């Protein structure tokens, strides 16, 4: 059985620098590729696909696994391929991690691992992007494994900044020194 779970979670985080600013909702989400063997060991080759429904940036990549009963050493290992592209790219999508190492759970990771994605060339995802995940290898009696991407959801216009701010009479707004007000993204 293959489960794909895409969630949109909210956390109330105040963001400001210097003097108090209005509260902004920091929205986080999760894109979870869940491979579930329903209690039996997984086999390599299983795949999942999802369409990204919001502009976002990857902020955390984790792997979490469960094992068959009796595997007290939690000695399983697995590797994934994680591809990124558009609908028209299918099946020619490119790896999110570029030429770097594939996301991997090693035998000594005890069923959980935070993946270093700092060198991934693709960390920003866009509306209409597709993600393709494949369980390349799996061993050690893993019965359920999740490749979880935590993302920061961008609000409309976030990151663009805003200049040329004017009042209702179309008079440019300036600070006390006469400099035009610019709202950073």
Protein backbone atom coordinates (compact mmCIF):
# COMPACT_ATOMS: atom_id res chain seq x y z
CA UNK A 1 0.00 0.00 0.00
CA UNK A 2 1.30 3.44 -0.90
CA UNK A 3 0.19 6.57 0.94
CA UNK A 4 0.92 10.11 -0.12
CA UNK A 5 0.14 12.83 2.38
CA UNK A 6 0.28 16.56 1.71
CA UNK A 7 -0.60 18.80 4.62
CA UNK A 8 -0.78 22.51 5.15
CA UNK A 9 -0.13 23.42 8.77
CA UNK A 10 -0.11 26.83 10.39
CA UNK A 11 2.05 28.13 13.19
CA UNK A 12 1.55 31.53 14.76
CA UNK A 13 4.99 33.08 14.57
CA UNK A 14 5.61 36.77 15.05
CA UNK A 15 8.27 38.15 12.75
CA UNK A 16 9.81 41.53 13.35
CA UNK A 17 13.08 43.37 13.51
CA UNK A 18 13.69 46.52 15.46
CA UNK A 19 10.44 48.05 16.64
CA UNK A 20 7.21 46.08 16.91
CA UNK A 21 5.61 45.18 13.60
CA UNK A 22 2.27 43.61 12.73
CA UNK A 23 1.91 39.90 13.34
CA UNK A 24 2.51 37.78 10.25
CA UNK A 25 1.39 34.16 10.06
CA UNK A 26 4.32 31.93 9.26
CA UNK A 27 2.80 29.06 7.31
CA UNK A 28 4.53 25.74 7.16
CA UNK A 29 3.49 22.63 5.34
CA UNK A 30 4.64 19.07 4.89
CA UNK A 31 5.00 16.96 1.79
CA UNK A 32 5.22 13.36 2.99
CA UNK A 33 6.02 10.43 0.74
CA UNK A 34 4.84 7.45 2.79
CA UNK A 35 5.61 3.89 1.68
CA UNK A 36 3.61 1.44 3.79
CA UNK A 37 4.00 -2.34 3.59
CA UNK A 38 1.11 -2.95 6.05
CA UNK A 39 3.40 -4.85 8.43
CA UNK A 40 5.44 -6.69 5.80
CA UNK A 41 8.87 -5.73 4.54
CA UNK A 42 8.92 -3.18 1.72
CA UNK A 43 10.43 -3.89 -1.68
CA UNK A 44 12.36 -1.44 -3.84
CA UNK A 45 10.76 0.24 -6.83
CA UNK A 46 7.65 1.73 -5.25
CA UNK A 47 6.86 5.26 -6.43
CA UNK A 48 4.76 8.25 -5.45
CA UNK A 49 3.99 11.51 -7.21
CA UNK A 50 2.45 14.77 -6.07
CA UNK A 51 1.62 18.19 -7.44
CA UNK A 52 2.85 21.14 -5.40
CA UNK A 53 -0.09 23.43 -4.71
CA UNK A 54 1.70 26.39 -3.17
CA UNK A 55 4.92 28.34 -3.64
CA UNK A 56 7.25 27.15 -0.89
CA UNK A 57 10.83 26.54 0.20
CA UNK A 58 12.15 23.29 1.65
CA UNK A 59 13.26 23.89 5.25
CA UNK A 60 13.78 20.33 6.53
CA UNK A 61 14.15 16.85 5.03
CA UNK A 62 13.72 13.80 7.26
CA UNK A 63 13.43 10.04 6.87
CA UNK A 64 11.54 7.93 9.40
CA UNK A 65 11.18 4.14 9.24
CA UNK A 66 9.40 1.29 11.07
CA UNK A 67 10.66 -2.30 11.08
CA UNK A 68 9.23 -5.80 11.20
CA UNK A 69 8.59 -7.12 14.70
CA UNK A 70 11.76 -8.65 16.09
CA UNK A 71 14.21 -6.30 14.37
CA UNK A 72 15.39 -4.85 17.67
CA UNK A 73 18.59 -3.50 16.14
CA UNK A 74 16.67 -1.20 13.77
CA UNK A 75 19.27 -2.10 11.17
CA UNK A 76 17.40 -1.27 7.96
CA UNK A 77 18.65 0.92 5.14
CA UNK A 78 16.96 2.68 2.24
CA UNK A 79 17.66 5.14 -0.56
CA UNK A 80 15.30 7.40 -2.47
CA UNK A 81 15.33 9.32 -5.68
CA UNK A 82 13.44 12.59 -5.49
CA UNK A 83 12.74 14.30 -8.80
CA UNK A 84 11.31 17.72 -9.56
CA UNK A 85 9.69 19.00 -12.71
CA UNK A 86 6.56 20.24 -14.41
CA UNK A 87 3.68 18.27 -15.85
CA UNK A 88 5.23 18.53 -19.32
CA UNK A 89 8.63 17.30 -18.01
CA UNK A 90 7.22 13.89 -17.02
CA UNK A 91 9.00 11.51 -17.03
CA UNK A 92 12.12 13.64 -17.64
CA UNK A 93 12.24 15.41 -14.27
CA UNK A 94 15.56 16.27 -12.59
CA UNK A 95 16.81 15.34 -9.11
CA UNK A 96 16.08 17.92 -6.39
CA UNK A 97 19.49 17.09 -4.93
CA UNK A 98 21.32 17.72 -8.24
CA UNK A 99 24.51 15.68 -8.57
CA UNK A 100 24.74 15.25 -4.78
CA UNK A 101 24.00 12.09 -2.83
CA UNK A 102 20.48 10.66 -2.86
CA UNK A 103 18.47 10.82 0.38
CA UNK A 104 19.64 7.78 2.34
CA UNK A 105 18.78 6.03 5.61
CA UNK A 106 21.76 4.00 6.79
CA UNK A 107 21.73 0.92 8.98
CA UNK A 108 23.25 2.87 11.89
CA UNK A 109 20.64 5.66 11.76
CA UNK A 110 18.22 3.66 13.98
CA UNK A 111 15.24 4.31 11.74
CA UNK A 112 15.41 8.10 11.61
CA UNK A 113 17.59 10.65 9.90
CA UNK A 114 17.65 14.35 9.18
CA UNK A 115 18.97 14.76 5.62
CA UNK A 116 21.47 17.52 4.81
CA UNK A 117 19.88 19.37 1.89
CA UNK A 118 21.94 22.57 2.13
CA UNK A 119 23.69 21.88 -1.22
CA UNK A 120 20.52 20.93 -3.11
CA UNK A 121 20.26 23.25 -6.13
CA UNK A 122 16.44 23.15 -5.98
CA UNK A 123 14.96 24.21 -2.64
CA UNK A 124 12.22 26.52 -3.89
CA UNK A 125 9.08 24.84 -5.22
CA UNK A 126 6.37 26.53 -7.24
CA UNK A 127 2.67 26.07 -7.89
CA UNK A 128 2.22 23.46 -10.63
CA UNK A 129 5.57 21.75 -9.91
CA UNK A 130 5.48 17.98 -9.64
CA UNK A 131 7.56 15.85 -7.27
CA UNK A 132 8.35 12.23 -8.03
CA UNK A 133 9.70 9.97 -5.29
CA UNK A 134 10.94 6.41 -5.78
CA UNK A 135 12.16 3.96 -3.16
CA UNK A 136 15.39 2.89 -4.89
CA UNK A 137 16.68 0.39 -2.35
CA UNK A 138 15.36 -1.00 0.92
CA UNK A 139 16.71 -3.67 3.27
CA UNK A 140 16.58 -4.86 6.86
CA UNK A 141 12.87 -5.49 7.23
CA UNK A 142 11.59 -1.92 6.89
CA UNK A 143 7.78 -2.09 6.85
CA UNK A 144 6.99 1.62 6.59
CA UNK A 145 9.18 4.53 5.57
CA UNK A 146 8.46 8.22 5.09
CA UNK A 147 10.50 10.81 3.25
CA UNK A 148 9.18 14.06 4.76
CA UNK A 149 9.78 17.53 3.35
CA UNK A 150 8.88 20.40 5.67
CA UNK A 151 8.27 23.57 3.69
CA UNK A 152 7.79 27.29 4.40
CA UNK A 153 4.82 28.47 2.37
CA UNK A 154 5.29 31.82 0.65
CA UNK A 155 2.44 34.29 0.69
CA UNK A 156 1.59 36.17 -2.51
CA UNK A 157 4.35 38.60 -3.31
CA UNK A 158 6.59 37.49 -0.44
CA UNK A 159 10.20 37.95 -1.39
CA UNK A 160 9.48 40.56 -4.05
CA UNK A 161 9.48 43.70 -1.90
CA UNK A 162 7.46 46.79 -2.57
CA UNK A 163 8.70 50.24 -3.53
CA UNK A 164 7.02 53.43 -4.67
CA UNK A 165 4.49 53.35 -1.85
CA UNK A 166 1.97 56.21 -2.12
CA UNK A 167 -0.94 57.45 -0.04
CA UNK A 168 -4.55 57.84 -1.25
CA UNK A 169 -3.67 61.13 -2.95
CA UNK A 170 -0.80 59.43 -4.85
CA UNK A 171 1.81 61.28 -2.78
CA UNK A 172 4.92 59.14 -2.23
CA UNK A 173 5.41 58.04 1.37
CA UNK A 174 8.78 58.91 2.85
CA UNK A 175 10.50 58.42 6.20
CA UNK A 176 11.61 61.23 8.53
CA UNK A 177 14.75 61.75 6.42
CA UNK A 178 12.80 62.09 3.17
CA UNK A 179 13.79 58.65 1.84
CA UNK A 180 11.11 56.70 -0.05
CA UNK A 181 9.55 53.91 1.99
CA UNK A 182 10.39 50.45 0.69
CA UNK A 183 8.73 47.35 2.13
CA UNK A 184 11.15 44.43 1.87
CA UNK A 185 9.80 41.03 0.82
